[in-house]
Amino acid sequence: MSKRRIIGNIAGYHGLRGEMKIFPLLDDLALFYDFKKLYISGKSFEIDSTRNHKNVLLVKLKEINSLTEAESLTGYVEADLDEELTDNEIYIEDLISLPVRDQDDNLIGKVSNYYSAGQKLVGIEALDSLNCKTEILIPFVDEFIIEINKAKGFLKVNLTDDLLELAQ
């Protein structure tokens, strides 16, 4: 059974024909070539072509024929996925709003965003008691991500003093 999932985000535009630069948020880029439709801001679009370009995919949609039309589309890109996940995998969108605990099992906030510009980062909206002025940004690597518990619904992170200080 397929379910609509976030698969990338619009990172820019390319050329006058209305191609979009999509930064993929999937581990397997080959999946992009199987999609027939993409969904952007709740609207359905048919894919005309997809090709690799540096660290993004250039996607031409049948309904978009100019740079001006392409520029009206922003944000996340979704598609219908029927990929089964292992116990160690999670969809990015399922991280959003997940409660976050530190290495001592203290509740520190909830996941507010996911960034993938170069290094992948998880943004955490901290509890007021932590006195953070901005999101706490946690690198999405084993050193900092201790556990993603899908069954109990939480993310456990190694919150270092340096990471906390950057948000204050």
N, C-alpha and C. Protein backbone atom coordinates (compact mmCIF):
# COMPACT_ATOMS: atom_id res chain seq x y z
N MET A 1 0.85 -1.17 0.00
CA MET A 1 0.00 0.00 0.00
C MET A 1 0.90 1.24 0.00
N SER A 2 0.64 2.14 -0.91
CA SER A 2 1.47 3.34 -0.99
C SER A 2 0.88 4.47 -0.15
N LYS A 3 1.78 5.34 0.28
CA LYS A 3 1.40 6.48 1.09
C LYS A 3 2.18 7.68 0.61
N ARG A 4 1.55 8.83 0.58
CA ARG A 4 2.23 10.05 0.14
C ARG A 4 3.24 10.47 1.19
N ARG A 5 4.49 10.68 0.74
CA ARG A 5 5.59 11.01 1.64
C ARG A 5 6.43 12.13 1.05
N ILE A 6 7.09 12.88 1.91
CA ILE A 6 8.04 13.90 1.46
C ILE A 6 9.26 13.19 0.90
N ILE A 7 9.65 13.57 -0.32
CA ILE A 7 10.79 12.93 -0.97
C ILE A 7 11.89 13.93 -1.30
N GLY A 8 11.61 15.21 -1.16
CA GLY A 8 12.61 16.23 -1.48
C GLY A 8 12.07 17.62 -1.22
N ASN A 9 12.93 18.61 -1.49
CA ASN A 9 12.44 19.98 -1.41
C ASN A 9 12.98 20.77 -2.59
N ILE A 10 12.22 21.76 -2.99
CA ILE A 10 12.61 22.57 -4.15
C ILE A 10 13.76 23.47 -3.73
N ALA A 11 14.87 23.32 -4.45
CA ALA A 11 16.10 24.04 -4.11
C ALA A 11 16.40 25.17 -5.09
N GLY A 12 15.57 25.30 -6.12
CA GLY A 12 15.80 26.35 -7.11
C GLY A 12 15.20 25.95 -8.45
N TYR A 13 15.61 26.66 -9.47
CA TYR A 13 15.03 26.48 -10.81
C TYR A 13 16.17 26.50 -11.82
N HIS A 14 15.92 25.91 -13.00
CA HIS A 14 16.98 25.77 -13.98
C HIS A 14 16.42 26.02 -15.38
N GLY A 15 16.91 27.03 -16.03
CA GLY A 15 16.53 27.28 -17.42
C GLY A 15 15.17 27.92 -17.59
N LEU A 16 14.87 28.23 -18.84
CA LEU A 16 13.64 28.93 -19.17
C LEU A 16 12.44 28.01 -19.37
N ARG A 17 12.69 26.69 -19.52
CA ARG A 17 11.60 25.73 -19.75
C ARG A 17 10.84 25.37 -18.48
N GLY A 18 11.35 25.80 -17.31
CA GLY A 18 10.63 25.54 -16.07
C GLY A 18 11.09 24.31 -15.31
N GLU A 19 12.32 23.88 -15.54
CA GLU A 19 12.83 22.76 -14.74
C GLU A 19 13.06 23.23 -13.31
N MET A 20 12.83 22.31 -12.37
CA MET A 20 13.04 22.62 -10.96
C MET A 20 14.23 21.82 -10.45
N LYS A 21 15.00 22.45 -9.55
CA LYS A 21 16.06 21.74 -8.85
C LYS A 21 15.44 21.18 -7.59
N ILE A 22 15.46 19.86 -7.46
CA ILE A 22 14.90 19.22 -6.28
C ILE A 22 16.02 18.56 -5.51
N PHE A 23 16.16 18.96 -4.24
CA PHE A 23 17.14 18.33 -3.37
C PHE A 23 16.49 17.08 -2.80
N PRO A 24 17.02 15.88 -3.13
CA PRO A 24 16.37 14.64 -2.70
C PRO A 24 16.53 14.39 -1.21
N LEU A 25 15.47 13.91 -0.59
CA LEU A 25 15.49 13.52 0.82
C LEU A 25 15.24 12.02 0.95
N LEU A 26 15.70 11.28 -0.05
CA LEU A 26 15.61 9.82 -0.06
C LEU A 26 17.02 9.26 -0.12
N ASP A 27 17.22 8.12 0.49
CA ASP A 27 18.53 7.47 0.42
C ASP A 27 18.79 6.90 -0.97
N ASP A 28 17.75 6.42 -1.64
CA ASP A 28 17.88 5.77 -2.94
C ASP A 28 17.36 6.69 -4.04
N LEU A 29 18.28 7.36 -4.74
CA LEU A 29 17.88 8.29 -5.80
C LEU A 29 17.18 7.60 -6.96
N ALA A 30 17.42 6.32 -7.14
CA ALA A 30 16.78 5.58 -8.23
C ALA A 30 15.27 5.61 -8.12
N LEU A 31 14.75 5.77 -6.90
CA LEU A 31 13.30 5.84 -6.72
C LEU A 31 12.68 7.02 -7.48
N PHE A 32 13.43 8.11 -7.61
CA PHE A 32 12.92 9.29 -8.32
C PHE A 32 12.54 8.98 -9.76
N TYR A 33 13.25 8.06 -10.38
CA TYR A 33 13.00 7.74 -11.78
C TYR A 33 11.76 6.86 -11.96
N ASP A 34 11.23 6.33 -10.86
CA ASP A 34 10.01 5.51 -10.93
C ASP A 34 8.73 6.32 -10.75
N PHE A 35 8.86 7.53 -10.22
CA PHE A 35 7.67 8.33 -9.96
C PHE A 35 7.05 8.83 -11.26
N LYS A 36 5.73 8.78 -11.33
CA LYS A 36 4.98 9.32 -12.47
C LYS A 36 4.41 10.69 -12.12
N LYS A 37 4.11 10.88 -10.82
CA LYS A 37 3.50 12.13 -10.34
C LYS A 37 4.26 12.62 -9.11
N LEU A 38 4.25 13.93 -8.96
CA LEU A 38 4.75 14.58 -7.76
C LEU A 38 3.66 15.48 -7.23
N TYR A 39 3.70 15.74 -5.93
CA TYR A 39 2.72 16.61 -5.30
C TYR A 39 3.47 17.77 -4.64
N ILE A 40 3.06 18.98 -4.98
CA ILE A 40 3.67 20.17 -4.40
C ILE A 40 2.53 21.06 -3.93
N SER A 41 2.57 21.42 -2.65
CA SER A 41 1.52 22.23 -2.04
C SER A 41 0.14 21.63 -2.29
N GLY A 42 0.04 20.31 -2.23
CA GLY A 42 -1.23 19.62 -2.38
C GLY A 42 -1.70 19.44 -3.81
N LYS A 43 -0.98 20.00 -4.79
CA LYS A 43 -1.37 19.87 -6.19
C LYS A 43 -0.58 18.75 -6.86
N SER A 44 -1.24 18.04 -7.76
CA SER A 44 -0.64 16.92 -8.46
C SER A 44 -0.03 17.38 -9.79
N PHE A 45 1.18 16.89 -10.09
CA PHE A 45 1.88 17.23 -11.33
C PHE A 45 2.45 15.96 -11.94
N GLU A 46 2.34 15.84 -13.27
CA GLU A 46 2.94 14.71 -13.98
C GLU A 46 4.37 15.03 -14.33
N ILE A 47 5.24 14.04 -14.16
CA ILE A 47 6.66 14.23 -14.47
C ILE A 47 6.90 14.03 -15.95
N ASP A 48 7.57 15.00 -16.56
CA ASP A 48 7.97 14.89 -17.96
C ASP A 48 9.36 14.27 -18.06
N SER A 49 10.30 14.74 -17.24
CA SER A 49 11.65 14.18 -17.25
C SER A 49 12.35 14.42 -15.92
N THR A 50 13.34 13.59 -15.64
CA THR A 50 14.17 13.71 -14.44
C THR A 50 15.60 13.40 -14.83
N ARG A 51 16.53 14.23 -14.33
CA ARG A 51 17.95 13.96 -14.59
C ARG A 51 18.80 14.48 -13.45
N ASN A 52 19.95 13.84 -13.26
CA ASN A 52 20.89 14.27 -12.23
C ASN A 52 21.60 15.53 -12.66
N HIS A 53 21.88 16.41 -11.70
CA HIS A 53 22.64 17.63 -11.96
C HIS A 53 23.33 18.03 -10.67
N LYS A 54 24.64 17.78 -10.60
CA LYS A 54 25.42 18.06 -9.39
C LYS A 54 24.80 17.33 -8.22
N ASN A 55 24.42 18.01 -7.16
CA ASN A 55 23.85 17.33 -5.99
C ASN A 55 22.32 17.43 -5.92
N VAL A 56 21.69 17.78 -7.04
CA VAL A 56 20.23 17.87 -7.09
C VAL A 56 19.71 17.08 -8.30
N LEU A 57 18.41 16.96 -8.37
CA LEU A 57 17.76 16.39 -9.54
C LEU A 57 17.04 17.52 -10.27
N LEU A 58 17.16 17.53 -11.58
CA LEU A 58 16.40 18.48 -12.38
C LEU A 58 15.14 17.77 -12.85
N VAL A 59 13.99 18.32 -12.49
CA VAL A 59 12.72 17.69 -12.83
C VAL A 59 11.89 18.67 -13.65
N LYS A 60 11.40 18.18 -14.78
CA LYS A 60 10.51 18.96 -15.65
C LYS A 60 9.11 18.36 -15.49
N LEU A 61 8.15 19.20 -15.13
CA LEU A 61 6.77 18.78 -14.97
C LEU A 61 5.99 19.13 -16.23
N LYS A 62 5.09 18.26 -16.64
CA LYS A 62 4.33 18.48 -17.88
C LYS A 62 3.50 19.76 -17.82
N GLU A 63 3.00 20.10 -16.64
CA GLU A 63 2.11 21.26 -16.51
C GLU A 63 2.87 22.58 -16.37
N ILE A 64 4.18 22.53 -16.21
CA ILE A 64 5.00 23.74 -16.01
C ILE A 64 5.88 23.94 -17.23
N ASN A 65 5.72 25.08 -17.91
CA ASN A 65 6.43 25.29 -19.17
C ASN A 65 7.28 26.55 -19.22
N SER A 66 7.43 27.23 -18.09
CA SER A 66 8.25 28.43 -18.08
C SER A 66 8.89 28.60 -16.70
N LEU A 67 9.92 29.40 -16.67
CA LEU A 67 10.58 29.70 -15.41
C LEU A 67 9.61 30.38 -14.45
N THR A 68 8.79 31.28 -14.94
CA THR A 68 7.82 31.99 -14.10
C THR A 68 6.85 31.01 -13.44
N GLU A 69 6.35 30.06 -14.21
CA GLU A 69 5.44 29.06 -13.64
C GLU A 69 6.16 28.20 -12.60
N ALA A 70 7.38 27.82 -12.88
CA ALA A 70 8.16 26.99 -11.93
C ALA A 70 8.40 27.75 -10.64
N GLU A 71 8.71 29.02 -10.73
CA GLU A 71 9.00 29.82 -9.54
C GLU A 71 7.80 29.97 -8.61
N SER A 72 6.61 29.68 -9.10
CA SER A 72 5.43 29.75 -8.24
C SER A 72 5.34 28.53 -7.31
N LEU A 73 6.17 27.54 -7.56
CA LEU A 73 6.18 26.32 -6.74
C LEU A 73 7.35 26.37 -5.77
N THR A 74 7.06 26.19 -4.49
CA THR A 74 8.10 26.20 -3.47
C THR A 74 7.79 25.14 -2.42
N GLY A 75 8.78 24.81 -1.62
CA GLY A 75 8.57 23.93 -0.47
C GLY A 75 8.93 22.49 -0.73
N TYR A 76 8.26 21.62 0.03
CA TYR A 76 8.53 20.19 -0.04
C TYR A 76 7.85 19.56 -1.23
N VAL A 77 8.45 18.47 -1.71
CA VAL A 77 7.91 17.69 -2.82
C VAL A 77 7.53 16.33 -2.26
N GLU A 78 6.33 15.88 -2.60
CA GLU A 78 5.83 14.60 -2.12
C GLU A 78 5.57 13.66 -3.29
N ALA A 79 5.55 12.36 -2.98
CA ALA A 79 5.19 11.35 -3.97
C ALA A 79 4.61 10.15 -3.23
N ASP A 80 3.93 9.28 -3.97
CA ASP A 80 3.38 8.07 -3.37
C ASP A 80 4.48 7.02 -3.30
N LEU A 81 4.77 6.56 -2.09
CA LEU A 81 5.81 5.55 -1.85
C LEU A 81 5.18 4.30 -1.27
N ASP A 82 5.65 3.16 -1.72
CA ASP A 82 5.19 1.92 -1.11
C ASP A 82 6.37 1.12 -0.57
N GLU A 83 7.45 1.83 -0.30
CA GLU A 83 8.64 1.20 0.22
C GLU A 83 8.43 0.81 1.69
N GLU A 84 8.80 -0.42 2.02
CA GLU A 84 8.73 -0.89 3.40
C GLU A 84 10.02 -0.49 4.11
N LEU A 85 9.89 0.03 5.30
CA LEU A 85 11.05 0.44 6.08
C LEU A 85 11.46 -0.65 7.05
N THR A 86 12.76 -0.69 7.35
CA THR A 86 13.25 -1.59 8.38
C THR A 86 13.01 -0.93 9.73
N ASP A 87 13.31 -1.65 10.79
CA ASP A 87 13.14 -1.09 12.14
C ASP A 87 14.04 0.10 12.39
N ASN A 88 15.16 0.18 11.68
CA ASN A 88 16.13 1.26 11.89
C ASN A 88 15.88 2.46 10.99
N GLU A 89 14.84 2.43 10.18
CA GLU A 89 14.57 3.52 9.24
C GLU A 89 13.30 4.27 9.64
N ILE A 90 13.26 5.54 9.24
CA ILE A 90 12.08 6.37 9.51
C ILE A 90 11.97 7.40 8.40
N TYR A 91 10.78 7.77 8.03
CA TYR A 91 10.59 8.83 7.07
C TYR A 91 10.86 10.17 7.75
N ILE A 92 11.45 11.09 7.02
CA ILE A 92 11.80 12.39 7.57
C ILE A 92 10.57 13.08 8.17
N GLU A 93 9.46 13.03 7.46
CA GLU A 93 8.26 13.72 7.95
C GLU A 93 7.76 13.12 9.28
N ASP A 94 8.10 11.86 9.55
CA ASP A 94 7.69 11.24 10.80
C ASP A 94 8.54 11.71 11.98
N LEU A 95 9.67 12.35 11.68
CA LEU A 95 10.49 12.94 12.74
C LEU A 95 9.86 14.22 13.28
N ILE A 96 9.20 14.98 12.40
CA ILE A 96 8.65 16.27 12.78
C ILE A 96 7.63 16.08 13.90
N SER A 97 7.75 16.89 14.94
CA SER A 97 6.89 16.89 16.15
C SER A 97 7.19 15.74 17.11
N LEU A 98 8.16 14.89 16.79
CA LEU A 98 8.53 13.80 17.69
C LEU A 98 9.18 14.38 18.96
N PRO A 99 8.74 13.94 20.14
CA PRO A 99 9.39 14.39 21.37
C PRO A 99 10.88 14.00 21.36
N VAL A 100 11.72 14.86 21.94
CA VAL A 100 13.17 14.62 21.96
C VAL A 100 13.63 14.52 23.41
N ARG A 101 14.42 13.48 23.66
CA ARG A 101 15.01 13.26 24.98
C ARG A 101 16.53 13.34 24.87
N ASP A 102 17.18 13.80 25.94
CA ASP A 102 18.64 13.83 25.92
C ASP A 102 19.20 12.49 26.40
N GLN A 103 20.51 12.40 26.47
CA GLN A 103 21.18 11.15 26.85
C GLN A 103 20.83 10.69 28.26
N ASP A 104 20.36 11.60 29.11
CA ASP A 104 19.95 11.26 30.47
C ASP A 104 18.45 11.00 30.57
N ASP A 105 17.79 10.91 29.42
CA ASP A 105 16.35 10.62 29.30
C ASP A 105 15.46 11.78 29.74
N ASN A 106 16.00 13.00 29.78
CA ASN A 106 15.19 14.19 30.09
C ASN A 106 14.53 14.70 28.82
N LEU A 107 13.27 15.05 28.90
CA LEU A 107 12.57 15.64 27.77
C LEU A 107 13.14 17.04 27.53
N ILE A 108 13.62 17.31 26.29
CA ILE A 108 14.22 18.62 26.01
C ILE A 108 13.43 19.42 24.97
N GLY A 109 12.46 18.81 24.30
CA GLY A 109 11.68 19.52 23.31
C GLY A 109 11.09 18.59 22.28
N LYS A 110 10.87 19.13 21.07
CA LYS A 110 10.32 18.31 19.99
C LYS A 110 11.01 18.69 18.68
N VAL A 111 11.05 17.77 17.74
CA VAL A 111 11.66 18.02 16.44
C VAL A 111 10.79 19.04 15.70
N SER A 112 11.41 20.13 15.25
CA SER A 112 10.68 21.17 14.55
C SER A 112 10.99 21.21 13.06
N ASN A 113 12.16 20.67 12.67
CA ASN A 113 12.54 20.74 11.26
C ASN A 113 13.66 19.76 10.98
N TYR A 114 13.92 19.57 9.69
CA TYR A 114 15.01 18.72 9.23
C TYR A 114 15.70 19.48 8.11
N TYR A 115 17.00 19.64 8.22
CA TYR A 115 17.76 20.39 7.23
C TYR A 115 18.77 19.47 6.57
N SER A 116 18.94 19.64 5.28
CA SER A 116 19.92 18.81 4.58
C SER A 116 20.70 19.62 3.57
N ALA A 117 21.26 20.72 4.03
CA ALA A 117 22.14 21.53 3.19
C ALA A 117 23.57 21.17 3.60
N GLY A 118 24.19 20.29 2.86
CA GLY A 118 25.49 19.79 3.26
C GLY A 118 25.30 18.73 4.33
N GLN A 119 25.59 19.06 5.59
CA GLN A 119 25.40 18.13 6.69
C GLN A 119 23.92 18.08 7.05
N LYS A 120 23.41 16.89 7.29
CA LYS A 120 22.02 16.73 7.68
C LYS A 120 21.87 17.09 9.16
N LEU A 121 20.87 17.92 9.47
CA LEU A 121 20.65 18.41 10.82
C LEU A 121 19.19 18.26 11.20
N VAL A 122 18.94 18.01 12.48
CA VAL A 122 17.59 18.00 13.02
C VAL A 122 17.45 19.25 13.87
N GLY A 123 16.39 20.03 13.61
CA GLY A 123 16.11 21.21 14.42
C GLY A 123 15.17 20.84 15.55
N ILE A 124 15.53 21.24 16.75
CA ILE A 124 14.72 20.91 17.92
C ILE A 124 14.20 22.20 18.56
N GLU A 125 12.89 22.28 18.68
CA GLU A 125 12.26 23.38 19.41
C GLU A 125 12.36 23.01 20.89
N ALA A 126 13.23 23.71 21.60
CA ALA A 126 13.53 23.37 22.99
C ALA A 126 12.44 23.83 23.94
N LEU A 127 12.34 23.14 25.05
CA LEU A 127 11.44 23.57 26.13
C LEU A 127 11.92 24.92 26.65
N ASP A 128 10.99 25.73 27.15
CA ASP A 128 11.33 27.06 27.68
C ASP A 128 12.39 27.01 28.77
N SER A 129 12.40 25.94 29.54
CA SER A 129 13.34 25.83 30.65
C SER A 129 14.81 25.79 30.21
N LEU A 130 15.05 25.50 28.93
CA LEU A 130 16.44 25.46 28.42
C LEU A 130 16.93 26.84 27.98
N ASN A 131 16.02 27.84 27.96
CA ASN A 131 16.38 29.22 27.61
C ASN A 131 17.07 29.36 26.27
N CYS A 132 16.57 28.68 25.26
CA CYS A 132 17.15 28.77 23.92
C CYS A 132 16.46 29.86 23.12
N LYS A 133 17.26 30.62 22.38
CA LYS A 133 16.71 31.69 21.54
C LYS A 133 16.38 31.16 20.14
N THR A 134 17.05 30.09 19.73
CA THR A 134 16.82 29.48 18.42
C THR A 134 16.68 27.97 18.59
N GLU A 135 16.41 27.30 17.48
CA GLU A 135 16.37 25.84 17.50
C GLU A 135 17.72 25.29 17.93
N ILE A 136 17.68 24.16 18.57
CA ILE A 136 18.92 23.41 18.81
C ILE A 136 19.13 22.57 17.56
N LEU A 137 20.28 22.71 16.93
CA LEU A 137 20.57 21.95 15.73
C LEU A 137 21.47 20.78 16.08
N ILE A 138 20.98 19.58 15.80
CA ILE A 138 21.70 18.35 16.12
C ILE A 138 22.10 17.67 14.81
N PRO A 139 23.40 17.40 14.61
CA PRO A 139 23.82 16.66 13.41
C PRO A 139 23.16 15.28 13.39
N PHE A 140 22.67 14.89 12.23
CA PHE A 140 21.97 13.62 12.09
C PHE A 140 22.99 12.53 11.77
N VAL A 141 23.84 12.24 12.75
CA VAL A 141 24.86 11.21 12.64
C VAL A 141 24.86 10.39 13.94
N ASP A 142 25.43 9.19 13.88
CA ASP A 142 25.40 8.27 15.03
C ASP A 142 25.97 8.88 16.31
N GLU A 143 26.94 9.76 16.20
CA GLU A 143 27.55 10.37 17.39
C GLU A 143 26.52 11.16 18.21
N PHE A 144 25.51 11.73 17.54
CA PHE A 144 24.53 12.57 18.22
C PHE A 144 23.13 11.96 18.29
N ILE A 145 22.77 11.11 17.35
CA ILE A 145 21.46 10.47 17.37
C ILE A 145 21.62 9.12 18.06
N ILE A 146 21.16 9.03 19.29
CA ILE A 146 21.33 7.82 20.07
C ILE A 146 20.29 6.77 19.70
N GLU A 147 19.04 7.23 19.56
CA GLU A 147 17.95 6.28 19.30
C GLU A 147 16.77 6.98 18.64
N ILE A 148 16.19 6.31 17.67
CA ILE A 148 14.90 6.72 17.11
C ILE A 148 13.94 5.59 17.46
N ASN A 149 13.07 5.85 18.42
CA ASN A 149 12.17 4.81 18.88
C ASN A 149 10.79 5.05 18.28
N LYS A 150 10.51 4.32 17.18
CA LYS A 150 9.23 4.49 16.50
C LYS A 150 8.08 3.96 17.35
N ALA A 151 8.30 2.86 18.04
CA ALA A 151 7.23 2.24 18.82
C ALA A 151 6.77 3.14 19.96
N LYS A 152 7.71 3.73 20.69
CA LYS A 152 7.37 4.58 21.83
C LYS A 152 7.27 6.05 21.44
N GLY A 153 7.68 6.39 20.22
CA GLY A 153 7.51 7.74 19.71
C GLY A 153 8.41 8.79 20.32
N PHE A 154 9.73 8.59 20.25
CA PHE A 154 10.65 9.64 20.69
C PHE A 154 11.99 9.51 19.97
N LEU A 155 12.73 10.59 20.02
CA LEU A 155 14.09 10.65 19.49
C LEU A 155 15.00 10.94 20.67
N LYS A 156 16.07 10.15 20.81
CA LYS A 156 17.03 10.39 21.89
C LYS A 156 18.32 10.87 21.28
N VAL A 157 18.84 12.00 21.81
CA VAL A 157 20.03 12.63 21.25
C VAL A 157 21.10 12.83 22.31
N ASN A 158 22.33 12.94 21.85
CA ASN A 158 23.45 13.29 22.71
C ASN A 158 23.56 14.81 22.65
N LEU A 159 22.99 15.47 23.65
CA LEU A 159 22.99 16.93 23.70
C LEU A 159 24.23 17.41 24.43
N THR A 160 25.19 17.90 23.67
CA THR A 160 26.43 18.39 24.28
C THR A 160 26.26 19.85 24.69
N ASP A 161 27.12 20.29 25.57
CA ASP A 161 27.09 21.69 26.01
C ASP A 161 27.32 22.62 24.83
N ASP A 162 28.19 22.23 23.90
CA ASP A 162 28.49 23.06 22.72
C ASP A 162 27.24 23.27 21.86
N LEU A 163 26.48 22.20 21.63
CA LEU A 163 25.26 22.33 20.82
C LEU A 163 24.23 23.20 21.52
N LEU A 164 24.10 23.03 22.80
CA LEU A 164 23.14 23.82 23.58
C LEU A 164 23.54 25.28 23.60
N GLU A 165 24.84 25.54 23.73
CA GLU A 165 25.33 26.93 23.76
C GLU A 165 25.07 27.66 22.46
N LEU A 166 25.13 26.96 21.33
CA LEU A 166 24.88 27.59 20.03
C LEU A 166 23.44 28.09 19.90
N ALA A 167 22.52 27.51 20.65
CA ALA A 167 21.11 27.89 20.56
C ALA A 167 20.73 28.96 21.59
N GLN A 168 21.66 29.34 22.46
CA GLN A 168 21.34 30.32 23.51
C GLN A 168 21.86 31.69 23.21
